[in-house]
């Protein structure tokens, strides 16, 4: 196992993690921003108002993109397991 291989695996892991977590995080961010603008415009300063819409948005994204997210994680894990013989040599 050399340093380039470890860097490659680390890079692939970070990209896979960003692809899998990105849609859920971005949807929660956008919903939170919209709710914050609404709260600012109406001067409603309830801190718990943002939680339910964020949870609903995250659940919808997981329902819509869950199979794709799972396949990305499974593909990365499969490639990692297939590279084990190269590491042992």
PDB file of N, CA and C in Angstrom:
ATOM      1  N   UNK A   1       0.864  -1.171   0.000  1.00  0.00           N
ATOM      2  CA  UNK A   1       0.000   0.000   0.000  1.00  0.00           C
ATOM      3  C   UNK A   1       0.907   1.229   0.000  1.00  0.00           C
ATOM      4  N   UNK A   2       0.690   2.083  -0.968  1.00  0.00           N
ATOM      5  CA  UNK A   2       1.508   3.291  -1.022  1.00  0.00           C
ATOM      6  C   UNK A   2       0.649   4.519  -0.695  1.00  0.00           C
ATOM      7  N   UNK A   3       1.316   5.625  -0.626  1.00  0.00           N
ATOM      8  CA  UNK A   3       0.653   6.866  -0.227  1.00  0.00           C
ATOM      9  C   UNK A   3      -0.369   7.328  -1.259  1.00  0.00           C
ATOM     10  N   UNK A   4      -0.093   7.118  -2.531  1.00  0.00           N
ATOM     11  CA  UNK A   4      -1.030   7.529  -3.581  1.00  0.00           C
ATOM     12  C   UNK A   4      -2.348   6.772  -3.486  1.00  0.00           C
ATOM     13  N   UNK A   5      -2.267   5.482  -3.160  1.00  0.00           N
ATOM     14  CA  UNK A   5      -3.479   4.673  -3.031  1.00  0.00           C
ATOM     15  C   UNK A   5      -4.345   5.165  -1.883  1.00  0.00           C
ATOM     16  N   UNK A   6      -3.709   5.484  -0.764  1.00  0.00           N
ATOM     17  CA  UNK A   6      -4.458   5.975   0.403  1.00  0.00           C
ATOM     18  C   UNK A   6      -5.104   7.311   0.098  1.00  0.00           C
ATOM     19  N   UNK A   7      -4.394   8.182  -0.597  1.00  0.00           N
ATOM     20  CA  UNK A   7      -4.954   9.485  -0.972  1.00  0.00           C
ATOM     21  C   UNK A   7      -6.118   9.300  -1.949  1.00  0.00           C
ATOM     22  N   UNK A   8      -5.968   8.362  -2.879  1.00  0.00           N
ATOM     23  CA  UNK A   8      -7.045   8.092  -3.836  1.00  0.00           C
ATOM     24  C   UNK A   8      -8.297   7.591  -3.117  1.00  0.00           C
ATOM     25  N   UNK A   9      -8.135   6.640  -2.206  1.00  0.00           N
ATOM     26  CA  UNK A   9      -9.284   6.104  -1.458  1.00  0.00           C
ATOM     27  C   UNK A   9      -9.921   7.209  -0.610  1.00  0.00           C
ATOM     28  N   UNK A  10      -9.104   8.036   0.019  1.00  0.00           N
ATOM     29  CA  UNK A  10      -9.643   9.142   0.821  1.00  0.00           C
ATOM     30  C   UNK A  10     -10.410  10.144  -0.017  1.00  0.00           C
ATOM     31  N   UNK A  11      -9.883  10.450  -1.198  1.00  0.00           N
ATOM     32  CA  UNK A  11     -10.564  11.379  -2.098  1.00  0.00           C
ATOM     33  C   UNK A  11     -11.894  10.807  -2.572  1.00  0.00           C
ATOM     34  N   UNK A  12     -11.883   9.535  -2.969  1.00  0.00           N
ATOM     35  CA  UNK A  12     -13.120   8.890  -3.402  1.00  0.00           C
ATOM     36  C   UNK A  12     -14.143   8.848  -2.276  1.00  0.00           C
ATOM     37  N   UNK A  13     -13.681   8.604  -1.051  1.00  0.00           N
ATOM     38  CA  UNK A  13     -14.590   8.566   0.093  1.00  0.00           C
ATOM     39  C   UNK A  13     -15.244   9.931   0.321  1.00  0.00           C
ATOM     40  N   UNK A  14     -14.443  10.987   0.254  1.00  0.00           N
ATOM     41  CA  UNK A  14     -14.994  12.328   0.471  1.00  0.00           C
ATOM     42  C   UNK A  14     -15.990  12.714  -0.622  1.00  0.00           C
ATOM     43  N   UNK A  15     -15.684  12.381  -1.887  1.00  0.00           N
ATOM     44  CA  UNK A  15     -16.612  12.687  -2.973  1.00  0.00           C
ATOM     45  C   UNK A  15     -17.901  11.898  -2.834  1.00  0.00           C
ATOM     46  N   UNK A  16     -17.787  10.628  -2.456  1.00  0.00           N
ATOM     47  CA  UNK A  16     -18.990   9.808  -2.277  1.00  0.00           C
ATOM     48  C   UNK A  16     -19.830  10.353  -1.131  1.00  0.00           C
ATOM     49  N   UNK A  17     -19.178  10.731  -0.045  1.00  0.00           N
ATOM     50  CA  UNK A  17     -19.899  11.290   1.095  1.00  0.00           C
ATOM     51  C   UNK A  17     -20.600  12.599   0.714  1.00  0.00           C
ATOM     52  N   UNK A  18     -19.940  13.434  -0.073  1.00  0.00           N
ATOM     53  CA  UNK A  18     -20.552  14.693  -0.498  1.00  0.00           C
ATOM     54  C   UNK A  18     -21.742  14.441  -1.423  1.00  0.00           C
ATOM     55  N   UNK A  19     -21.621  13.445  -2.323  1.00  0.00           N
ATOM     56  CA  UNK A  19     -22.731  13.139  -3.220  1.00  0.00           C
ATOM     57  C   UNK A  19     -23.921  12.569  -2.466  1.00  0.00           C
ATOM     58  N   UNK A  20     -23.657  11.760  -1.447  1.00  0.00           N
ATOM     59  CA  UNK A  20     -24.747  11.126  -0.708  1.00  0.00           C
ATOM     60  C   UNK A  20     -25.411  12.115   0.258  1.00  0.00           C
ATOM     61  N   UNK A  21     -24.629  12.887   0.975  1.00  0.00           N
ATOM     62  CA  UNK A  21     -25.188  13.795   1.980  1.00  0.00           C
ATOM     63  C   UNK A  21     -25.608  15.144   1.402  1.00  0.00           C
ATOM     64  N   UNK A  22     -25.065  15.503   0.255  1.00  0.00           N
ATOM     65  CA  UNK A  22     -25.314  16.817  -0.327  1.00  0.00           C
ATOM     66  C   UNK A  22     -26.768  17.169  -0.564  1.00  0.00           C
ATOM     67  N   UNK A  23     -27.545  16.309  -1.216  1.00  0.00           N
ATOM     68  CA  UNK A  23     -28.944  16.682  -1.483  1.00  0.00           C
ATOM     69  C   UNK A  23     -29.763  16.933  -0.217  1.00  0.00           C
ATOM     70  N   UNK A  24     -29.550  16.115   0.796  1.00  0.00           N
ATOM     71  CA  UNK A  24     -30.302  16.304   2.048  1.00  0.00           C
ATOM     72  C   UNK A  24     -29.870  17.597   2.733  1.00  0.00           C
ATOM     73  N   UNK A  25     -28.568  17.841   2.778  1.00  0.00           N
ATOM     74  CA  UNK A  25     -28.076  19.058   3.426  1.00  0.00           C
ATOM     75  C   UNK A  25     -28.499  20.308   2.667  1.00  0.00           C
ATOM     76  N   UNK A  26     -28.426  20.272   1.343  1.00  0.00           N
ATOM     77  CA  UNK A  26     -28.815  21.448   0.564  1.00  0.00           C
ATOM     78  C   UNK A  26     -30.308  21.742   0.669  1.00  0.00           C
ATOM     79  N   UNK A  27     -31.132  20.707   0.674  1.00  0.00           N
ATOM     80  CA  UNK A  27     -32.569  20.952   0.816  1.00  0.00           C
ATOM     81  C   UNK A  27     -32.891  21.527   2.196  1.00  0.00           C
ATOM     82  N   UNK A  28     -32.241  21.009   3.225  1.00  0.00           N
ATOM     83  CA  UNK A  28     -32.456  21.558   4.570  1.00  0.00           C
ATOM     84  C   UNK A  28     -31.972  23.000   4.659  1.00  0.00           C
ATOM     85  N   UNK A  29     -30.860  23.285   3.997  1.00  0.00           N
ATOM     86  CA  UNK A  29     -30.336  24.650   3.990  1.00  0.00           C
ATOM     87  C   UNK A  29     -31.298  25.608   3.298  1.00  0.00           C
ATOM     88  N   UNK A  30     -31.821  25.208   2.147  1.00  0.00           N
ATOM     89  CA  UNK A  30     -32.749  26.074   1.413  1.00  0.00           C
ATOM     90  C   UNK A  30     -34.054  26.288   2.171  1.00  0.00           C
ATOM     91  N   UNK A  31     -34.583  25.222   2.771  1.00  0.00           N
ATOM     92  CA  UNK A  31     -35.813  25.369   3.551  1.00  0.00           C
ATOM     93  C   UNK A  31     -35.566  26.266   4.757  1.00  0.00           C
ATOM     94  N   UNK A  32     -34.435  26.084   5.418  1.00  0.00           N
ATOM     95  CA  UNK A  32     -34.099  26.950   6.556  1.00  0.00           C
ATOM     96  C   UNK A  32     -33.951  28.404   6.156  1.00  0.00           C
ATOM     97  N   UNK A  33     -33.356  28.647   4.984  1.00  0.00           N
ATOM     98  CA  UNK A  33     -33.205  30.024   4.500  1.00  0.00           C
ATOM     99  C   UNK A  33     -34.557  30.647   4.189  1.00  0.00           C
ATOM    100  N   UNK A  34     -35.426  29.878   3.550  1.00  0.00           N
ATOM    101  CA  UNK A  34     -36.765  30.396   3.228  1.00  0.00           C
ATOM    102  C   UNK A  34     -37.544  30.710   4.500  1.00  0.00           C
ATOM    103  N   UNK A  35     -37.481  29.814   5.483  1.00  0.00           N
ATOM    104  CA  UNK A  35     -38.177  30.042   6.754  1.00  0.00           C
ATOM    105  C   UNK A  35     -37.578  31.246   7.477  1.00  0.00           C
ATOM    106  N   UNK A  36     -36.251  31.394   7.425  1.00  0.00           N
ATOM    107  CA  UNK A  36     -35.612  32.548   8.083  1.00  0.00           C
ATOM    108  C   UNK A  36     -36.042  33.859   7.431  1.00  0.00           C
ATOM    109  N   UNK A  37     -36.150  33.883   6.110  1.00  0.00           N
ATOM    110  CA  UNK A  37     -36.619  35.093   5.428  1.00  0.00           C
ATOM    111  C   UNK A  37     -38.064  35.377   5.801  1.00  0.00           C
ATOM    112  N   UNK A  38     -38.878  34.323   5.860  1.00  0.00           N
ATOM    113  CA  UNK A  38     -40.275  34.492   6.279  1.00  0.00           C
ATOM    114  C   UNK A  38     -40.365  35.025   7.710  1.00  0.00           C
ATOM    115  N   UNK A  39     -39.553  34.472   8.602  1.00  0.00           N
ATOM    116  CA  UNK A  39     -39.564  34.941   9.993  1.00  0.00           C
ATOM    117  C   UNK A  39     -39.092  36.385  10.086  1.00  0.00           C
ATOM    118  N   UNK A  40     -38.121  36.730   9.297  1.00  0.00           N
ATOM    119  CA  UNK A  40     -37.615  38.102   9.325  1.00  0.00           C
ATOM    120  C   UNK A  40     -38.661  39.084   8.791  1.00  0.00           C
ATOM    121  N   UNK A  41     -39.365  38.665   7.750  1.00  0.00           N
ATOM    122  CA  UNK A  41     -40.362  39.552   7.154  1.00  0.00           C
ATOM    123  C   UNK A  41     -41.580  39.714   8.060  1.00  0.00           C
ATOM    124  N   UNK A  42     -41.973  38.661   8.759  1.00  0.00           N
ATOM    125  CA  UNK A  42     -43.179  38.730   9.591  1.00  0.00           C
ATOM    126  C   UNK A  42     -42.872  38.992  11.062  1.00  0.00           C
ATOM    127  N   UNK A  43     -41.595  39.034  11.416  1.00  0.00           N
ATOM    128  CA  UNK A  43     -41.134  39.252  12.786  1.00  0.00           C
ATOM    129  C   UNK A  43     -41.640  38.182  13.757  1.00  0.00           C
ATOM    130  N   UNK A  44     -41.832  36.977  13.239  1.00  0.00           N
ATOM    131  CA  UNK A  44     -42.134  35.830  14.099  1.00  0.00           C
ATOM    132  C   UNK A  44     -40.793  35.223  14.489  1.00  0.00           C
ATOM    133  N   UNK A  45     -40.460  35.248  15.754  1.00  0.00           N
ATOM    134  CA  UNK A  45     -39.153  34.783  16.197  1.00  0.00           C
ATOM    135  C   UNK A  45     -39.254  33.480  16.980  1.00  0.00           C
ATOM    136  N   UNK A  46     -39.989  32.533  16.463  1.00  0.00           N
ATOM    137  CA  UNK A  46     -40.120  31.228  17.101  1.00  0.00           C
ATOM    138  C   UNK A  46     -38.988  30.329  16.612  1.00  0.00           C
ATOM    139  N   UNK A  47     -38.149  29.844  17.525  1.00  0.00           N
ATOM    140  CA  UNK A  47     -36.982  29.061  17.158  1.00  0.00           C
ATOM    141  C   UNK A  47     -37.348  27.661  16.653  1.00  0.00           C
ATOM    142  N   UNK A  48     -38.461  27.126  17.113  1.00  0.00           N
ATOM    143  CA  UNK A  48     -38.823  25.761  16.725  1.00  0.00           C
ATOM    144  C   UNK A  48     -39.573  25.701  15.408  1.00  0.00           C
ATOM    145  N   UNK A  49     -39.855  26.831  14.793  1.00  0.00           N
ATOM    146  CA  UNK A  49     -40.622  26.864  13.547  1.00  0.00           C
ATOM    147  C   UNK A  49     -39.889  26.209  12.383  1.00  0.00           C
ATOM    148  N   UNK A  50     -38.576  26.204  12.401  1.00  0.00           N
ATOM    149  CA  UNK A  50     -37.819  25.684  11.263  1.00  0.00           C
ATOM    150  C   UNK A  50     -37.652  24.167  11.299  1.00  0.00           C
ATOM    151  N   UNK A  51     -37.830  23.534  12.427  1.00  0.00           N
ATOM    152  CA  UNK A  51     -37.515  22.107  12.530  1.00  0.00           C
ATOM    153  C   UNK A  51     -38.426  21.225  11.688  1.00  0.00           C
ATOM    154  N   UNK A  52     -39.721  21.400  11.786  1.00  0.00           N
ATOM    155  CA  UNK A  52     -40.656  20.521  11.070  1.00  0.00           C
ATOM    156  C   UNK A  52     -40.497  20.649   9.550  1.00  0.00           C
ATOM    157  N   UNK A  53     -40.446  21.854   8.970  1.00  0.00           N
ATOM    158  CA  UNK A  53     -40.239  21.930   7.512  1.00  0.00           C
ATOM    159  C   UNK A  53     -38.909  21.320   7.067  1.00  0.00           C
ATOM    160  N   UNK A  54     -37.845  21.475   7.864  1.00  0.00           N
ATOM    161  CA  UNK A  54     -36.562  20.873   7.505  1.00  0.00           C
ATOM    162  C   UNK A  54     -36.643  19.350   7.533  1.00  0.00           C
ATOM    163  N   UNK A  55     -37.306  18.801   8.534  1.00  0.00           N
ATOM    164  CA  UNK A  55     -37.446  17.352   8.634  1.00  0.00           C
ATOM    165  C   UNK A  55     -38.269  16.821   7.464  1.00  0.00           C
ATOM    166  N   UNK A  56     -39.335  17.524   7.117  1.00  0.00           N
ATOM    167  CA  UNK A  56     -40.169  17.099   5.991  1.00  0.00           C
ATOM    168  C   UNK A  56     -39.379  17.164   4.683  1.00  0.00           C
ATOM    169  N   UNK A  57     -38.611  18.236   4.492  1.00  0.00           N
ATOM    170  CA  UNK A  57     -37.809  18.365   3.270  1.00  0.00           C
ATOM    171  C   UNK A  57     -36.756  17.258   3.190  1.00  0.00           C
ATOM    172  N   UNK A  58     -36.093  16.976   4.300  1.00  0.00           N
ATOM    173  CA  UNK A  58     -35.078  15.923   4.306  1.00  0.00           C
ATOM    174  C   UNK A  58     -35.716  14.559   4.031  1.00  0.00           C
ATOM    175  N   UNK A  59     -36.883  14.307   4.613  1.00  0.00           N
ATOM    176  CA  UNK A  59     -37.564  13.028   4.387  1.00  0.00           C
ATOM    177  C   UNK A  59     -37.990  12.889   2.926  1.00  0.00           C
ATOM    178  N   UNK A  60     -38.469  13.962   2.325  1.00  0.00           N
ATOM    179  CA  UNK A  60     -38.858  13.911   0.910  1.00  0.00           C
ATOM    180  C   UNK A  60     -37.660  13.639   0.005  1.00  0.00           C
ATOM    181  N   UNK A  61     -36.551  14.292   0.297  1.00  0.00           N
ATOM    182  CA  UNK A  61     -35.348  14.067  -0.509  1.00  0.00           C
ATOM    183  C   UNK A  61     -34.871  12.631  -0.346  1.00  0.00           C
ATOM    184  N   UNK A  62     -34.926  12.100   0.858  1.00  0.00           N
ATOM    185  CA  UNK A  62     -34.515  10.711   1.071  1.00  0.00           C
ATOM    186  C   UNK A  62     -35.462   9.759   0.345  1.00  0.00           C
ATOM    187  N   UNK A  63     -36.759  10.064   0.353  1.00  0.00           N
ATOM    188  CA  UNK A  63     -37.701   9.224  -0.375  1.00  0.00           C
ATOM    189  C   UNK A  63     -37.465   9.275  -1.880  1.00  0.00           C
ATOM    190  N   UNK A  64     -37.158  10.448  -2.389  1.00  0.00           N
ATOM    191  CA  UNK A  64     -36.974  10.613  -3.829  1.00  0.00           C
ATOM    192  C   UNK A  64     -35.618  10.074  -4.284  1.00  0.00           C
ATOM    193  N   UNK A  65     -34.563  10.408  -3.559  1.00  0.00           N
ATOM    194  CA  UNK A  65     -33.207  10.057  -3.988  1.00  0.00           C
ATOM    195  C   UNK A  65     -32.567   8.943  -3.167  1.00  0.00           C
ATOM    196  N   UNK A  66     -33.334   8.303  -2.308  1.00  0.00           N
ATOM    197  CA  UNK A  66     -32.761   7.301  -1.408  1.00  0.00           C
ATOM    198  C   UNK A  66     -32.116   6.134  -2.118  1.00  0.00           C
ATOM    199  N   UNK A  67     -32.739   5.635  -3.182  1.00  0.00           N
ATOM    200  CA  UNK A  67     -32.155   4.496  -3.895  1.00  0.00           C
ATOM    201  C   UNK A  67     -30.851   4.891  -4.583  1.00  0.00           C
ATOM    202  N   UNK A  68     -30.807   6.097  -5.139  1.00  0.00           N
ATOM    203  CA  UNK A  68     -29.576   6.572  -5.763  1.00  0.00           C
ATOM    204  C   UNK A  68     -28.478   6.759  -4.723  1.00  0.00           C
ATOM    205  N   UNK A  69     -28.833   7.321  -3.579  1.00  0.00           N
ATOM    206  CA  UNK A  69     -27.853   7.527  -2.518  1.00  0.00           C
ATOM    207  C   UNK A  69     -27.310   6.193  -2.019  1.00  0.00           C
ATOM    208  N   UNK A  70     -28.194   5.220  -1.849  1.00  0.00           N
ATOM    209  CA  UNK A  70     -27.762   3.900  -1.422  1.00  0.00           C
ATOM    210  C   UNK A  70     -26.870   3.226  -2.444  1.00  0.00           C
ATOM    211  N   UNK A  71     -27.204   3.366  -3.729  1.00  0.00           N
ATOM    212  CA  UNK A  71     -26.376   2.749  -4.764  1.00  0.00           C
ATOM    213  C   UNK A  71     -24.995   3.388  -4.832  1.00  0.00           C
ATOM    214  N   UNK A  72     -24.900   4.691  -4.583  1.00  0.00           N
ATOM    215  CA  UNK A  72     -23.599   5.349  -4.554  1.00  0.00           C
ATOM    216  C   UNK A  72     -22.737   4.795  -3.426  1.00  0.00           C
ATOM    217  N   UNK A  73     -23.325   4.635  -2.257  1.00  0.00           N
ATOM    218  CA  UNK A  73     -22.584   4.096  -1.109  1.00  0.00           C
ATOM    219  C   UNK A  73     -22.190   2.640  -1.355  1.00  0.00           C
ATOM    220  N   UNK A  74     -23.087   1.859  -1.941  1.00  0.00           N
ATOM    221  CA  UNK A  74     -22.784   0.447  -2.216  1.00  0.00           C
ATOM    222  C   UNK A  74     -21.693   0.331  -3.277  1.00  0.00           C
ATOM    223  N   UNK A  75     -21.740   1.168  -4.310  1.00  0.00           N
ATOM    224  CA  UNK A  75     -20.699   1.133  -5.340  1.00  0.00           C
ATOM    225  C   UNK A  75     -19.331   1.463  -4.760  1.00  0.00           C
ATOM    226  N   UNK A  76     -19.263   2.467  -3.890  1.00  0.00           N
ATOM    227  CA  UNK A  76     -17.993   2.812  -3.269  1.00  0.00           C
ATOM    228  C   UNK A  76     -17.473   1.660  -2.420  1.00  0.00           C
ATOM    229  N   UNK A  77     -18.362   1.050  -1.640  1.00  0.00           N
ATOM    230  CA  UNK A  77     -17.951  -0.051  -0.775  1.00  0.00           C
ATOM    231  C   UNK A  77     -17.501  -1.248  -1.602  1.00  0.00           C
ATOM    232  N   UNK A  78     -18.200  -1.537  -2.690  1.00  0.00           N
ATOM    233  CA  UNK A  78     -17.818  -2.642  -3.561  1.00  0.00           C
ATOM    234  C   UNK A  78     -16.440  -2.404  -4.175  1.00  0.00           C
ATOM    235  N   UNK A  79     -16.198  -1.197  -4.653  1.00  0.00           N
ATOM    236  CA  UNK A  79     -14.885  -0.873  -5.213  1.00  0.00           C
ATOM    237  C   UNK A  79     -13.801  -0.957  -4.149  1.00  0.00           C
ATOM    238  N   UNK A  80     -14.117  -0.559  -2.937  1.00  0.00           N
ATOM    239  CA  UNK A  80     -13.145  -0.634  -1.853  1.00  0.00           C
ATOM    240  C   UNK A  80     -12.803  -2.089  -1.539  1.00  0.00           C
ATOM    241  N   UNK A  81     -13.801  -2.954  -1.492  1.00  0.00           N
ATOM    242  CA  UNK A  81     -13.557  -4.376  -1.229  1.00  0.00           C
ATOM    243  C   UNK A  81     -12.780  -5.026  -2.378  1.00  0.00           C
ATOM    244  N   UNK A  82     -13.079  -4.611  -3.611  1.00  0.00           N
ATOM    245  CA  UNK A  82     -12.357  -5.171  -4.756  1.00  0.00           C
ATOM    246  C   UNK A  82     -10.898  -4.734  -4.774  1.00  0.00           C
ATOM    247  N   UNK A  83     -10.578  -3.636  -4.139  1.00  0.00           N
ATOM    248  CA  UNK A  83      -9.188  -3.158  -4.135  1.00  0.00           C
ATOM    249  C   UNK A  83      -8.367  -3.790  -3.011  1.00  0.00           C
ATOM    250  N   UNK A  84      -8.961  -4.620  -2.183  1.00  0.00           N
ATOM    251  CA  UNK A  84      -8.223  -5.248  -1.074  1.00  0.00           C
ATOM    252  C   UNK A  84      -7.061  -6.100  -1.578  1.00  0.00           C
ATOM    253  N   UNK A  85      -7.218  -6.914  -2.628  1.00  0.00           N
ATOM    254  CA  UNK A  85      -6.048  -7.683  -3.087  1.00  0.00           C
ATOM    255  C   UNK A  85      -4.874  -6.805  -3.505  1.00  0.00           C
ATOM    256  N   UNK A  86      -5.144  -5.655  -4.068  1.00  0.00           N
ATOM    257  CA  UNK A  86      -4.064  -4.750  -4.454  1.00  0.00           C
ATOM    258  C   UNK A  86      -3.356  -4.178  -3.227  1.00  0.00           C
ATOM    259  N   UNK A  87      -4.066  -4.063  -2.130  1.00  0.00           N
ATOM    260  CA  UNK A  87      -3.476  -3.521  -0.911  1.00  0.00           C
ATOM    261  C   UNK A  87      -2.573  -4.562  -0.258  1.00  0.00           C
ATOM    262  N   UNK A  88      -2.977  -5.810  -0.338  1.00  0.00           N
ATOM    263  CA  UNK A  88      -2.236  -6.879   0.328  1.00  0.00           C
ATOM    264  C   UNK A  88      -0.901  -7.116  -0.342  1.00  0.00           C
ATOM    265  N   UNK A  89      -0.805  -6.922  -1.638  1.00  0.00           N
ATOM    266  CA  UNK A  89       0.447  -7.196  -2.358  1.00  0.00           C
ATOM    267  C   UNK A  89       1.555  -6.288  -1.940  1.00  0.00           C
TER     268      UNK A  89
END
